[in-house]
PDB file of N, CA and C in Angstrom:
ATOM      1  N   MET A   1     280.545 155.408 -32.608  1.00  0.00           N
ATOM      2  CA  MET A   1     280.705 153.970 -32.514  1.00  0.00           C
ATOM      3  C   MET A   1     281.844 153.311 -31.671  1.00  0.00           C
ATOM      4  N   ALA A   2     281.465 152.299 -31.069  1.00  0.00           N
ATOM      5  CA  ALA A   2     282.623 151.862 -29.950  1.00  0.00           C
ATOM      6  C   ALA A   2     283.736 151.107 -30.677  1.00  0.00           C
ATOM      7  N   ALA A   3     284.916 151.302 -29.891  1.00  0.00           N
ATOM      8  CA  ALA A   3     286.066 150.825 -30.583  1.00  0.00           C
ATOM      9  C   ALA A   3     286.198 149.221 -30.807  1.00  0.00           C
ATOM     10  N   SER A   4     285.149 148.525 -29.853  1.00  0.00           N
ATOM     11  CA  SER A   4     285.107 147.100 -29.873  1.00  0.00           C
ATOM     12  C   SER A   4     284.862 146.499 -31.239  1.00  0.00           C
ATOM     13  N   GLY A   5     284.226 147.254 -32.179  1.00  0.00           N
ATOM     14  CA  GLY A   5     284.000 146.499 -33.412  1.00  0.00           C
ATOM     15  C   GLY A   5     282.692 146.232 -33.676  1.00  0.00           C
ATOM     16  N   PHE A   6     281.997 146.031 -32.444  1.00  0.00           N
ATOM     17  CA  PHE A   6     280.428 145.684 -32.493  1.00  0.00           C
ATOM     18  C   PHE A   6     279.482 146.668 -32.992  1.00  0.00           C
ATOM     19  N   GLY A   7     279.999 147.962 -32.874  1.00  0.00           N
ATOM     20  CA  GLY A   7     279.134 149.177 -33.310  1.00  0.00           C
ATOM     21  C   GLY A   7     278.088 149.544 -32.018  1.00  0.00           C
ATOM     22  N   HIS A   8     278.324 149.057 -30.738  1.00  0.00           N
ATOM     23  CA  HIS A   8     277.497 149.267 -29.785  1.00  0.00           C
ATOM     24  C   HIS A   8     278.273 149.648 -28.660  1.00  0.00           C
ATOM     25  N   ALA A   9     277.768 150.548 -27.758  1.00  0.00           N
ATOM     26  CA  ALA A   9     278.610 151.142 -26.605  1.00  0.00           C
ATOM     27  C   ALA A   9     278.818 150.099 -25.700  1.00  0.00           C
ATOM     28  N   SER A  10     277.995 149.248 -25.303  1.00  0.00           N
ATOM     29  CA  SER A  10     278.290 148.322 -24.418  1.00  0.00           C
ATOM     30  C   SER A  10     279.354 147.232 -24.939  1.00  0.00           C
ATOM     31  N   GLY A  11     279.631 147.221 -26.247  1.00  0.00           N
ATOM     32  CA  GLY A  11     280.767 146.287 -26.558  1.00  0.00           C
ATOM     33  C   GLY A  11     280.215 144.951 -26.936  1.00  0.00           C
ATOM     34  N   LYS A  12     278.892 144.685 -26.581  1.00  0.00           N
ATOM     35  CA  LYS A  12     278.352 143.308 -26.980  1.00  0.00           C
ATOM     36  C   LYS A  12     277.552 143.543 -28.266  1.00  0.00           C
ATOM     37  N   ALA A  13     277.591 142.156 -28.785  1.00  0.00           N
ATOM     38  CA  ALA A  13     276.804 142.021 -30.089  1.00  0.00           C
ATOM     39  C   ALA A  13     275.283 142.109 -29.738  1.00  0.00           C
ATOM     40  N   PRO A  14     274.410 142.811 -30.417  1.00  0.00           N
ATOM     41  CA  PRO A  14     272.934 142.714 -30.138  1.00  0.00           C
ATOM     42  C   PRO A  14     272.503 141.252 -30.240  1.00  0.00           C
ATOM     43  N   VAL A  15     271.421 141.076 -29.489  1.00  0.00           N
ATOM     44  CA  VAL A  15     270.585 139.822 -29.566  1.00  0.00           C
ATOM     45  C   VAL A  15     270.071 139.796 -30.907  1.00  0.00           C
ATOM     46  N   ARG A  16     270.149 138.581 -31.535  1.00  0.00           N
ATOM     47  CA  ARG A  16     269.510 138.406 -32.727  1.00  0.00           C
ATOM     48  C   ARG A  16     268.400 137.332 -32.770  1.00  0.00           C
ATOM     49  N   LYS A  17     267.248 137.519 -33.445  1.00  0.00           N
ATOM     50  CA  LYS A  17     266.123 136.525 -33.488  1.00  0.00           C
ATOM     51  C   LYS A  17     266.850 135.253 -34.305  1.00  0.00           C
ATOM     52  N   THR A  18     266.128 134.215 -33.791  1.00  0.00           N
ATOM     53  CA  THR A  18     266.540 133.018 -34.551  1.00  0.00           C
ATOM     54  C   THR A  18     265.079 132.202 -34.615  1.00  0.00           C
ATOM     55  N   GLY A  19     265.171 130.980 -35.182  1.00  0.00           N
ATOM     56  CA  GLY A  19     263.966 130.412 -35.504  1.00  0.00           C
ATOM     57  C   GLY A  19     262.856 130.838 -36.620  1.00  0.00           C
ATOM     58  N   PRO A  20     261.746 130.271 -36.680  1.00  0.00           N
ATOM     59  CA  PRO A  20     260.925 130.674 -37.880  1.00  0.00           C
ATOM     60  C   PRO A  20     260.587 131.948 -37.948  1.00  0.00           C
ATOM     61  N   TRP A  21     260.500 132.346 -39.208  1.00  0.00           N
ATOM     62  CA  TRP A  21     260.145 133.786 -39.616  1.00  0.00           C
ATOM     63  C   TRP A  21     258.656 134.168 -39.418  1.00  0.00           C
ATOM     64  N   GLN A  22     258.365 135.244 -38.952  1.00  0.00           N
ATOM     65  CA  GLN A  22     256.888 135.641 -38.853  1.00  0.00           C
ATOM     66  C   GLN A  22     256.637 136.381 -40.221  1.00  0.00           C
ATOM     67  N   ASP A  23     255.429 136.251 -40.519  1.00  0.00           N
ATOM     68  CA  ASP A  23     254.977 136.598 -41.904  1.00  0.00           C
ATOM     69  C   ASP A  23     255.203 138.258 -42.029  1.00  0.00           C
ATOM     70  N   GLU A  24     255.059 139.073 -41.052  1.00  0.00           N
ATOM     71  CA  GLU A  24     255.469 140.429 -41.164  1.00  0.00           C
ATOM     72  C   GLU A  24     256.862 140.676 -41.276  1.00  0.00           C
ATOM     73  N   ASP A  25     257.857 139.875 -40.697  1.00  0.00           N
ATOM     74  CA  ASP A  25     259.217 139.899 -40.992  1.00  0.00           C
ATOM     75  C   ASP A  25     259.475 139.504 -42.572  1.00  0.00           C
ATOM     76  N   VAL A  26     258.735 138.633 -43.138  1.00  0.00           N
ATOM     77  CA  VAL A  26     259.176 138.180 -44.585  1.00  0.00           C
ATOM     78  C   VAL A  26     258.630 139.403 -45.368  1.00  0.00           C
ATOM     79  N   GLN A  27     257.454 139.937 -45.143  1.00  0.00           N
ATOM     80  CA  GLN A  27     256.869 140.946 -45.862  1.00  0.00           C
ATOM     81  C   GLN A  27     257.747 142.170 -45.811  1.00  0.00           C
ATOM     82  N   LEU A  28     258.334 142.454 -44.684  1.00  0.00           N
ATOM     83  CA  LEU A  28     259.330 143.528 -44.537  1.00  0.00           C
ATOM     84  C   LEU A  28     260.493 143.284 -45.406  1.00  0.00           C
ATOM     85  N   LEU A  29     261.097 141.881 -44.971  1.00  0.00           N
ATOM     86  CA  LEU A  29     262.246 141.372 -45.998  1.00  0.00           C
ATOM     87  C   LEU A  29     262.069 141.819 -47.470  1.00  0.00           C
ATOM     88  N   ILE A  30     260.893 141.238 -47.998  1.00  0.00           N
ATOM     89  CA  ILE A  30     260.550 141.568 -49.479  1.00  0.00           C
ATOM     90  C   ILE A  30     260.626 142.891 -49.853  1.00  0.00           C
ATOM     91  N   ARG A  31     259.948 143.852 -48.971  1.00  0.00           N
ATOM     92  CA  ARG A  31     259.893 145.211 -49.432  1.00  0.00           C
ATOM     93  C   ARG A  31     261.114 145.831 -49.234  1.00  0.00           C
ATOM     94  N   LEU A  32     262.046 145.529 -48.293  1.00  0.00           N
ATOM     95  CA  LEU A  32     263.422 146.145 -48.289  1.00  0.00           C
ATOM     96  C   LEU A  32     264.149 145.583 -49.468  1.00  0.00           C
ATOM     97  N   TRP A  33     264.010 144.195 -49.703  1.00  0.00           N
ATOM     98  CA  TRP A  33     264.868 143.789 -50.864  1.00  0.00           C
ATOM     99  C   TRP A  33     264.471 144.430 -52.107  1.00  0.00           C
ATOM    100  N   LYS A  34     263.210 144.573 -52.245  1.00  0.00           N
ATOM    101  CA  LYS A  34     262.853 145.292 -53.489  1.00  0.00           C
ATOM    102  C   LYS A  34     263.400 146.793 -53.598  1.00  0.00           C
ATOM    103  N   ASP A  35     263.418 147.416 -52.319  1.00  0.00           N
ATOM    104  CA  ASP A  35     263.908 148.908 -52.336  1.00  0.00           C
ATOM    105  C   ASP A  35     265.343 148.871 -52.550  1.00  0.00           C
ATOM    106  N   GLY A  36     266.099 147.658 -52.589  1.00  0.00           N
ATOM    107  CA  GLY A  36     267.547 147.739 -52.855  1.00  0.00           C
ATOM    108  C   GLY A  36     268.545 147.704 -51.586  1.00  0.00           C
ATOM    109  N   HIS A  37     267.967 147.617 -50.392  1.00  0.00           N
ATOM    110  CA  HIS A  37     268.907 147.505 -49.229  1.00  0.00           C
ATOM    111  C   HIS A  37     269.619 146.489 -49.230  1.00  0.00           C
ATOM    112  N   SER A  38     270.879 146.706 -48.494  1.00  0.00           N
ATOM    113  CA  SER A  38     271.897 145.675 -48.453  1.00  0.00           C
ATOM    114  C   SER A  38     271.445 144.636 -47.436  1.00  0.00           C
ATOM    115  N   ASN A  39     271.911 143.366 -47.409  1.00  0.00           N
ATOM    116  CA  ASN A  39     271.740 142.192 -46.410  1.00  0.00           C
ATOM    117  C   ASN A  39     271.873 142.846 -45.175  1.00  0.00           C
ATOM    118  N   SER A  40     273.021 143.529 -44.749  1.00  0.00           N
ATOM    119  CA  SER A  40     273.350 144.068 -43.652  1.00  0.00           C
ATOM    120  C   SER A  40     272.162 145.035 -42.904  1.00  0.00           C
ATOM    121  N   GLU A  41     271.824 145.796 -43.898  1.00  0.00           N
ATOM    122  CA  GLU A  41     270.769 146.669 -43.600  1.00  0.00           C
ATOM    123  C   GLU A  41     269.360 146.115 -43.234  1.00  0.00           C
ATOM    124  N   ILE A  42     269.084 145.081 -43.899  1.00  0.00           N
ATOM    125  CA  ILE A  42     267.857 144.341 -43.765  1.00  0.00           C
ATOM    126  C   ILE A  42     268.103 143.526 -42.409  1.00  0.00           C
ATOM    127  N   ALA A  43     269.138 142.954 -42.300  1.00  0.00           N
ATOM    128  CA  ALA A  43     269.382 142.085 -41.053  1.00  0.00           C
ATOM    129  C   ALA A  43     269.224 142.888 -39.714  1.00  0.00           C
ATOM    130  N   GLU A  44     269.767 144.277 -39.858  1.00  0.00           N
ATOM    131  CA  GLU A  44     269.793 145.018 -38.716  1.00  0.00           C
ATOM    132  C   GLU A  44     268.296 145.544 -38.338  1.00  0.00           C
ATOM    133  N   LYS A  45     267.423 145.863 -39.499  1.00  0.00           N
ATOM    134  CA  LYS A  45     266.124 146.024 -39.151  1.00  0.00           C
ATOM    135  C   LYS A  45     265.283 144.926 -38.728  1.00  0.00           C
ATOM    136  N   LEU A  46     265.503 143.756 -39.169  1.00  0.00           N
ATOM    137  CA  LEU A  46     264.904 142.587 -38.797  1.00  0.00           C
ATOM    138  C   LEU A  46     265.334 141.941 -37.423  1.00  0.00           C
ATOM    139  N   GLY A  47     266.710 142.522 -36.981  1.00  0.00           N
ATOM    140  CA  GLY A  47     267.096 141.867 -35.779  1.00  0.00           C
ATOM    141  C   GLY A  47     267.627 140.429 -35.992  1.00  0.00           C
ATOM    142  N   ARG A  48     268.108 140.065 -37.208  1.00  0.00           N
ATOM    143  CA  ARG A  48     268.414 138.727 -37.553  1.00  0.00           C
ATOM    144  C   ARG A  48     269.886 138.822 -38.026  1.00  0.00           C
ATOM    145  N   GLN A  49     270.703 137.711 -38.275  1.00  0.00           N
ATOM    146  CA  GLN A  49     271.980 137.597 -38.914  1.00  0.00           C
ATOM    147  C   GLN A  49     271.996 137.937 -40.398  1.00  0.00           C
ATOM    148  N   GLU A  50     272.857 138.496 -40.817  1.00  0.00           N
ATOM    149  CA  GLU A  50     272.987 138.773 -42.361  1.00  0.00           C
ATOM    150  C   GLU A  50     272.955 137.385 -43.249  1.00  0.00           C
ATOM    151  N   ASN A  51     273.398 136.402 -42.771  1.00  0.00           N
ATOM    152  CA  ASN A  51     273.334 135.243 -43.603  1.00  0.00           C
ATOM    153  C   ASN A  51     271.915 134.621 -43.506  1.00  0.00           C
ATOM    154  N   ALA A  52     271.321 134.966 -42.537  1.00  0.00           N
ATOM    155  CA  ALA A  52     269.773 134.373 -42.302  1.00  0.00           C
ATOM    156  C   ALA A  52     269.058 135.133 -43.371  1.00  0.00           C
ATOM    157  N   VAL A  53     269.247 136.428 -43.620  1.00  0.00           N
ATOM    158  CA  VAL A  53     268.393 137.244 -44.469  1.00  0.00           C
ATOM    159  C   VAL A  53     268.744 136.702 -45.941  1.00  0.00           C
ATOM    160  N   ALA A  54     270.101 136.373 -46.202  1.00  0.00           N
ATOM    161  CA  ALA A  54     270.383 135.928 -47.474  1.00  0.00           C
ATOM    162  C   ALA A  54     269.638 134.581 -47.808  1.00  0.00           C
ATOM    163  N   ILE A  55     269.771 133.634 -46.761  1.00  0.00           N
ATOM    164  CA  ILE A  55     269.174 132.313 -46.862  1.00  0.00           C
ATOM    165  C   ILE A  55     267.710 132.440 -47.170  1.00  0.00           C
ATOM    166  N   LYS A  56     267.035 133.284 -46.346  1.00  0.00           N
ATOM    167  CA  LYS A  56     265.593 133.453 -46.563  1.00  0.00           C
ATOM    168  C   LYS A  56     265.289 133.939 -47.890  1.00  0.00           C
ATOM    169  N   ALA A  57     266.037 134.968 -48.451  1.00  0.00           N
ATOM    170  CA  ALA A  57     265.746 135.504 -49.677  1.00  0.00           C
ATOM    171  C   ALA A  57     265.870 134.499 -50.826  1.00  0.00           C
ATOM    172  N   SER A  58     266.881 133.644 -50.768  1.00  0.00           N
ATOM    173  CA  SER A  58     267.168 132.541 -51.534  1.00  0.00           C
ATOM    174  C   SER A  58     266.006 131.453 -51.561  1.00  0.00           C
ATOM    175  N   ARG A  59     265.476 131.242 -50.409  1.00  0.00           N
ATOM    176  CA  ARG A  59     264.453 130.287 -50.269  1.00  0.00           C
ATOM    177  C   ARG A  59     263.131 130.966 -50.864  1.00  0.00           C
ATOM    178  N   LEU A  60     262.887 132.163 -50.590  1.00  0.00           N
ATOM    179  CA  LEU A  60     261.836 132.764 -51.171  1.00  0.00           C
ATOM    180  C   LEU A  60     261.894 133.088 -52.842  1.00  0.00           C
ATOM    181  N   ARG A  61     263.173 132.827 -53.130  1.00  0.00           N
ATOM    182  CA  ARG A  61     263.589 132.939 -54.644  1.00  0.00           C
ATOM    183  C   ARG A  61     263.363 134.377 -55.144  1.00  0.00           C
ATOM    184  N   LEU A  62     263.672 135.245 -54.191  1.00  0.00           N
ATOM    185  CA  LEU A  62     263.851 136.708 -54.661  1.00  0.00           C
ATOM    186  C   LEU A  62     264.856 136.981 -55.731  1.00  0.00           C
ATOM    187  N   PRO A  63     264.438 137.759 -56.703  1.00  0.00           N
ATOM    188  CA  PRO A  63     265.457 138.031 -57.834  1.00  0.00           C
ATOM    189  C   PRO A  63     266.660 138.877 -57.159  1.00  0.00           C
ATOM    190  N   PRO A  64     267.864 138.906 -57.912  1.00  0.00           N
ATOM    191  CA  PRO A  64     269.046 139.758 -57.679  1.00  0.00           C
ATOM    192  C   PRO A  64     268.484 141.199 -57.380  1.00  0.00           C
ATOM    193  N   LYS A  65     269.151 141.896 -56.295  1.00  0.00           N
ATOM    194  CA  LYS A  65     268.703 143.040 -56.039  1.00  0.00           C
ATOM    195  C   LYS A  65     269.014 143.992 -57.357  1.00  0.00           C
ATOM    196  N   SER A  66     269.927 143.807 -58.096  1.00  0.00           N
ATOM    197  CA  SER A  66     270.008 144.686 -59.191  1.00  0.00           C
ATOM    198  C   SER A  66     268.803 144.777 -60.166  1.00  0.00           C
ATOM    199  N   VAL A  67     267.980 143.809 -60.129  1.00  0.00           N
ATOM    200  CA  VAL A  67     266.728 143.764 -60.905  1.00  0.00           C
ATOM    201  C   VAL A  67     265.381 143.490 -59.981  1.00  0.00           C
ATOM    202  N   ALA A  68     265.635 143.264 -58.738  1.00  0.00           N
ATOM    203  CA  ALA A  68     264.656 143.015 -57.825  1.00  0.00           C
ATOM    204  C   ALA A  68     263.317 144.036 -57.819  1.00  0.00           C
ATOM    205  N   GLY A  69     263.682 145.363 -57.580  1.00  0.00           N
ATOM    206  CA  GLY A  69     262.762 146.541 -57.742  1.00  0.00           C
ATOM    207  C   GLY A  69     261.976 146.529 -59.097  1.00  0.00           C
ATOM    208  N   GLU A  70     262.632 146.464 -60.060  1.00  0.00           N
ATOM    209  CA  GLU A  70     262.128 146.476 -61.344  1.00  0.00           C
ATOM    210  C   GLU A  70     261.247 145.250 -61.815  1.00  0.00           C
ATOM    211  N   ARG A  71     261.811 144.052 -61.452  1.00  0.00           N
ATOM    212  CA  ARG A  71     261.139 142.681 -61.759  1.00  0.00           C
ATOM    213  C   ARG A  71     259.797 142.574 -60.841  1.00  0.00           C
ATOM    214  N   MET A  72     260.058 142.763 -59.452  1.00  0.00           N
ATOM    215  CA  MET A  72     258.917 142.674 -58.618  1.00  0.00           C
ATOM    216  C   MET A  72     257.910 143.589 -58.949  1.00  0.00           C
ATOM    217  N   SER A  73     258.227 145.029 -59.218  1.00  0.00           N
ATOM    218  CA  SER A  73     257.092 145.874 -59.468  1.00  0.00           C
ATOM    219  C   SER A  73     256.362 145.446 -60.875  1.00  0.00           C
ATOM    220  N   ALA A  74     257.156 144.812 -61.771  1.00  0.00           N
ATOM    221  CA  ALA A  74     256.364 144.592 -62.972  1.00  0.00           C
ATOM    222  C   ALA A  74     255.506 143.148 -62.700  1.00  0.00           C
ATOM    223  N   GLU A  75     256.047 142.415 -61.886  1.00  0.00           N
ATOM    224  CA  GLU A  75     255.114 141.178 -61.537  1.00  0.00           C
ATOM    225  C   GLU A  75     253.932 141.771 -60.881  1.00  0.00           C
ATOM    226  N   ASN A  76     253.959 142.457 -59.976  1.00  0.00           N
ATOM    227  CA  ASN A  76     252.845 142.959 -59.319  1.00  0.00           C
ATOM    228  C   ASN A  76     251.871 143.792 -60.292  1.00  0.00           C
ATOM    229  N   ALA A  77     252.482 144.451 -61.049  1.00  0.00           N
ATOM    230  CA  ALA A  77     251.575 145.358 -61.912  1.00  0.00           C
ATOM    231  C   ALA A  77     250.930 144.352 -62.823  1.00  0.00           C
ATOM    232  N   LYS A  78     251.615 143.422 -63.367  1.00  0.00           N
ATOM    233  CA  LYS A  78     251.075 142.350 -64.309  1.00  0.00           C
ATOM    234  C   LYS A  78     250.104 141.508 -63.670  1.00  0.00           C
ATOM    235  N   ASN A  79     250.316 141.180 -62.353  1.00  0.00           N
ATOM    236  CA  ASN A  79     249.566 140.189 -61.611  1.00  0.00           C
ATOM    237  C   ASN A  79     249.344 140.708 -60.240  1.00  0.00           C
ATOM    238  N   GLY A  80     248.282 141.449 -60.042  1.00  0.00           N
ATOM    239  CA  GLY A  80     248.056 142.030 -58.709  1.00  0.00           C
ATOM    240  C   GLY A  80     247.806 140.905 -57.609  1.00  0.00           C
ATOM    241  N   ASN A  81     248.003 139.630 -57.959  1.00  0.00           N
ATOM    242  CA  ASN A  81     247.805 138.578 -56.996  1.00  0.00           C
ATOM    243  C   ASN A  81     248.937 138.050 -56.518  1.00  0.00           C
ATOM    244  N   ALA A  82     250.247 138.862 -56.900  1.00  0.00           N
ATOM    245  CA  ALA A  82     251.353 138.163 -56.376  1.00  0.00           C
ATOM    246  C   ALA A  82     251.486 138.808 -54.727  1.00  0.00           C
ATOM    247  N   LYS A  83     251.664 137.707 -53.831  1.00  0.00           N
ATOM    248  CA  LYS A  83     251.942 138.045 -52.484  1.00  0.00           C
ATOM    249  C   LYS A  83     252.261 136.792 -51.866  1.00  0.00           C
ATOM    250  N   LEU A  84     252.480 136.977 -50.578  1.00  0.00           N
ATOM    251  CA  LEU A  84     252.997 135.798 -49.479  1.00  0.00           C
ATOM    252  C   LEU A  84     251.757 134.861 -49.496  1.00  0.00           C
ATOM    253  N   ARG A  85     251.918 133.778 -49.555  1.00  0.00           N
ATOM    254  CA  ARG A  85     250.794 132.771 -49.377  1.00  0.00           C
ATOM    255  C   ARG A  85     251.313 131.511 -48.644  1.00  0.00           C
ATOM    256  N   PRO A  86     250.361 130.818 -47.859  1.00  0.00           N
ATOM    257  CA  PRO A  86     250.772 129.475 -47.510  1.00  0.00           C
ATOM    258  C   PRO A  86     250.828 128.481 -48.466  1.00  0.00           C
ATOM    259  N   CYS A  87     251.782 127.564 -48.479  1.00  0.00           N
ATOM    260  CA  CYS A  87     251.804 126.285 -49.550  1.00  0.00           C
ATOM    261  C   CYS A  87     250.531 125.628 -49.158  1.00  0.00           C
ATOM    262  N   LEU A  88     250.029 125.159 -50.155  1.00  0.00           N
ATOM    263  CA  LEU A  88     248.864 124.034 -49.867  1.00  0.00           C
ATOM    264  C   LEU A  88     249.377 122.845 -49.350  1.00  0.00           C
ATOM    265  N   THR A  89     250.419 122.394 -49.545  1.00  0.00           N
ATOM    266  CA  THR A  89     251.159 121.084 -49.247  1.00  0.00           C
ATOM    267  C   THR A  89     251.651 121.236 -47.650  1.00  0.00           C
ATOM    268  N   CYS A  90     252.651 122.070 -47.553  1.00  0.00           N
ATOM    269  CA  CYS A  90     253.214 122.150 -46.215  1.00  0.00           C
ATOM    270  C   CYS A  90     252.735 123.198 -45.271  1.00  0.00           C
ATOM    271  N   GLN A  91     252.147 124.175 -45.695  1.00  0.00           N
ATOM    272  CA  GLN A  91     251.495 125.217 -45.097  1.00  0.00           C
ATOM    273  C   GLN A  91     252.744 126.504 -44.737  1.00  0.00           C
ATOM    274  N   LYS A  92     253.912 126.191 -45.199  1.00  0.00           N
ATOM    275  CA  LYS A  92     254.936 127.187 -44.930  1.00  0.00           C
ATOM    276  C   LYS A  92     254.419 128.390 -45.865  1.00  0.00           C
ATOM    277  N   THR A  93     254.835 129.619 -45.290  1.00  0.00           N
ATOM    278  CA  THR A  93     254.460 130.904 -46.173  1.00  0.00           C
ATOM    279  C   THR A  93     255.705 131.042 -47.191  1.00  0.00           C
ATOM    280  N   PHE A  94     255.360 131.379 -48.614  1.00  0.00           N
ATOM    281  CA  PHE A  94     256.241 131.552 -49.598  1.00  0.00           C
ATOM    282  C   PHE A  94     255.805 132.818 -50.408  1.00  0.00           C
ATOM    283  N   PHE A  95     256.720 133.064 -51.248  1.00  0.00           N
ATOM    284  CA  PHE A  95     256.276 134.486 -52.275  1.00  0.00           C
ATOM    285  C   PHE A  95     255.675 133.725 -53.449  1.00  0.00           C
ATOM    286  N   SER A  96     254.242 133.939 -53.440  1.00  0.00           N
ATOM    287  CA  SER A  96     253.572 133.357 -54.636  1.00  0.00           C
ATOM    288  C   SER A  96     253.479 134.389 -55.689  1.00  0.00           C
ATOM    289  N   GLU A  97     253.708 133.931 -56.955  1.00  0.00           N
ATOM    290  CA  GLU A  97     253.697 134.985 -58.124  1.00  0.00           C
ATOM    291  C   GLU A  97     252.376 135.085 -58.523  1.00  0.00           C
ATOM    292  N   GLY A  98     251.310 134.488 -57.942  1.00  0.00           N
ATOM    293  CA  GLY A  98     249.841 134.682 -58.386  1.00  0.00           C
ATOM    294  C   GLY A  98     249.037 133.573 -58.067  1.00  0.00           C
ATOM    295  N   PHE A  99     247.765 133.738 -58.233  1.00  0.00           N
ATOM    296  CA  PHE A  99     246.714 132.796 -57.829  1.00  0.00           C
ATOM    297  C   PHE A  99     247.104 131.318 -58.016  1.00  0.00           C
ATOM    298  N   GLY A 100     247.626 130.984 -59.197  1.00  0.00           N
ATOM    299  CA  GLY A 100     247.857 129.685 -59.707  1.00  0.00           C
ATOM    300  C   GLY A 100     249.077 129.082 -59.098  1.00  0.00           C
ATOM    301  N   HIS A 101     249.896 129.891 -58.394  1.00  0.00           N
ATOM    302  CA  HIS A 101     251.241 129.385 -57.807  1.00  0.00           C
ATOM    303  C   HIS A 101     250.944 129.284 -56.428  1.00  0.00           C
ATOM    304  N   ARG A 102     250.426 127.978 -55.850  1.00  0.00           N
ATOM    305  CA  ARG A 102     249.922 127.814 -54.537  1.00  0.00           C
ATOM    306  C   ARG A 102     250.948 126.695 -53.712  1.00  0.00           C
ATOM    307  N   ILE A 103     251.823 126.129 -54.545  1.00  0.00           N
ATOM    308  CA  ILE A 103     252.530 124.867 -54.175  1.00  0.00           C
ATOM    309  C   ILE A 103     254.014 125.696 -54.112  1.00  0.00           C
ATOM    310  N   CYS A 104     254.806 125.635 -52.798  1.00  0.00           N
ATOM    311  CA  CYS A 104     256.062 126.170 -52.789  1.00  0.00           C
ATOM    312  C   CYS A 104     257.098 125.289 -53.549  1.00  0.00           C
ATOM    313  N   ASP A 105     258.141 125.992 -53.868  1.00  0.00           N
ATOM    314  CA  ASP A 105     259.309 125.152 -54.740  1.00  0.00           C
ATOM    315  C   ASP A 105     259.872 124.076 -53.962  1.00  0.00           C
ATOM    316  N   SER A 106     259.951 124.042 -52.587  1.00  0.00           N
ATOM    317  CA  SER A 106     260.482 122.999 -51.977  1.00  0.00           C
ATOM    318  C   SER A 106     259.444 121.740 -51.931  1.00  0.00           C
ATOM    319  N   CYS A 107     258.226 121.942 -51.976  1.00  0.00           N
ATOM    320  CA  CYS A 107     257.388 120.918 -52.224  1.00  0.00           C
ATOM    321  C   CYS A 107     257.238 120.409 -53.574  1.00  0.00           C
ATOM    322  N   LYS A 108     257.469 121.226 -54.535  1.00  0.00           N
ATOM    323  CA  LYS A 108     257.571 120.837 -55.773  1.00  0.00           C
ATOM    324  C   LYS A 108     258.860 120.085 -56.310  1.00  0.00           C
ATOM    325  N   SER A 109     259.811 120.161 -55.440  1.00  0.00           N
ATOM    326  CA  SER A 109     261.124 119.504 -55.758  1.00  0.00           C
ATOM    327  C   SER A 109     261.066 118.168 -55.077  1.00  0.00           C
ATOM    328  N   THR A 110     259.975 117.778 -54.385  1.00  0.00           N
ATOM    329  CA  THR A 110     259.927 116.268 -53.729  1.00  0.00           C
ATOM    330  C   THR A 110     259.529 115.203 -54.737  1.00  0.00           C
ATOM    331  N   SER A 111     260.099 114.023 -54.416  1.00  0.00           N
ATOM    332  CA  SER A 111     259.840 112.854 -55.482  1.00  0.00           C
ATOM    333  C   SER A 111     258.339 112.614 -55.494  1.00  0.00           C
ATOM    334  N   ALA A 112     257.656 113.005 -54.449  1.00  0.00           N
ATOM    335  CA  ALA A 112     256.079 112.528 -54.479  1.00  0.00           C
ATOM    336  C   ALA A 112     255.467 113.785 -55.600  1.00  0.00           C
ATOM    337  N   TRP A 113     255.876 114.779 -55.555  1.00  0.00           N
ATOM    338  CA  TRP A 113     255.447 115.711 -56.708  1.00  0.00           C
ATOM    339  C   TRP A 113     255.664 115.344 -58.061  1.00  0.00           C
ATOM    340  N   SER A 114     256.912 115.150 -58.259  1.00  0.00           N
ATOM    341  CA  SER A 114     257.525 114.769 -59.730  1.00  0.00           C
ATOM    342  C   SER A 114     256.731 113.372 -60.066  1.00  0.00           C
ATOM    343  N   SER A 115     256.322 112.507 -59.127  1.00  0.00           N
ATOM    344  CA  SER A 115     255.785 111.253 -59.421  1.00  0.00           C
ATOM    345  C   SER A 115     254.291 111.275 -59.639  1.00  0.00           C
ATOM    346  N   GLY A 116     253.678 112.415 -58.943  1.00  0.00           N
ATOM    347  CA  GLY A 116     252.194 112.572 -59.176  1.00  0.00           C
ATOM    348  C   GLY A 116     251.570 112.097 -57.915  1.00  0.00           C
ATOM    349  N   ASP A 117     252.302 111.512 -56.950  1.00  0.00           N
ATOM    350  CA  ASP A 117     251.795 110.882 -55.575  1.00  0.00           C
ATOM    351  C   ASP A 117     251.782 111.850 -54.636  1.00  0.00           C
ATOM    352  N   TYR A 118     250.974 112.916 -54.753  1.00  0.00           N
ATOM    353  CA  TYR A 118     250.776 113.957 -53.821  1.00  0.00           C
ATOM    354  C   TYR A 118     249.172 114.110 -53.744  1.00  0.00           C
ATOM    355  N   ALA A 119     248.737 114.809 -52.556  1.00  0.00           N
ATOM    356  CA  ALA A 119     247.342 114.892 -52.077  1.00  0.00           C
ATOM    357  C   ALA A 119     247.420 116.260 -51.388  1.00  0.00           C
ATOM    358  N   VAL A 120     246.467 117.095 -51.700  1.00  0.00           N
ATOM    359  CA  VAL A 120     246.054 118.290 -51.206  1.00  0.00           C
ATOM    360  C   VAL A 120     244.742 118.243 -50.783  1.00  0.00           C
ATOM    361  N   SER A 121     244.681 118.305 -49.263  1.00  0.00           N
ATOM    362  CA  SER A 121     243.198 118.514 -48.806  1.00  0.00           C
ATOM    363  C   SER A 121     242.629 119.719 -48.715  1.00  0.00           C
ATOM    364  N   PHE A 122     241.300 119.790 -49.308  1.00  0.00           N
ATOM    365  CA  PHE A 122     240.782 121.118 -49.158  1.00  0.00           C
ATOM    366  C   PHE A 122     239.564 121.229 -48.246  1.00  0.00           C
ATOM    367  N   GLY A 123     239.579 120.277 -47.353  1.00  0.00           N
ATOM    368  CA  GLY A 123     238.639 120.210 -46.154  1.00  0.00           C
ATOM    369  C   GLY A 123     237.470 119.524 -46.411  1.00  0.00           C
ATOM    370  N   GLY A 124     237.227 118.969 -47.650  1.00  0.00           N
ATOM    371  CA  GLY A 124     236.022 118.208 -47.966  1.00  0.00           C
ATOM    372  C   GLY A 124     236.339 116.989 -48.430  1.00  0.00           C
ATOM    373  N   SER A 125     235.335 116.031 -48.745  1.00  0.00           N
ATOM    374  CA  SER A 125     235.618 114.845 -49.316  1.00  0.00           C
ATOM    375  C   SER A 125     235.175 114.757 -50.624  1.00  0.00           C
ATOM    376  N   PHE A 126     235.720 113.595 -51.450  1.00  0.00           N
ATOM    377  CA  PHE A 126     235.432 113.546 -52.877  1.00  0.00           C
ATOM    378  C   PHE A 126     234.748 112.336 -53.149  1.00  0.00           C
TER     379      PHE A 126
END
């Protein structure tokens, strides 16, 4: 390890990804989280900042690592439909607990959702 503190022989910090998360990265984050890897280990594997990993895990509503593997395995065993899905409202990918969980928590926290003034288009007319 270099004496610079960055852990790289060149003395420069590695270039980190920024911007939107790809579905493959989110799936890897969830798998590593479930396996109990630290935020710094996950960040290293994904090429992202450690705080970006923590924020994304929070937004995905991943359980604490102390119970993550146990709880997520139980959810998948109980409901084989738990997986990453696009929100039907905003199209952002989120960790869906099952087929009936198709709207992300961000969209559910809007005033339009709570008032009932929302519309989801399924490509057809009514």
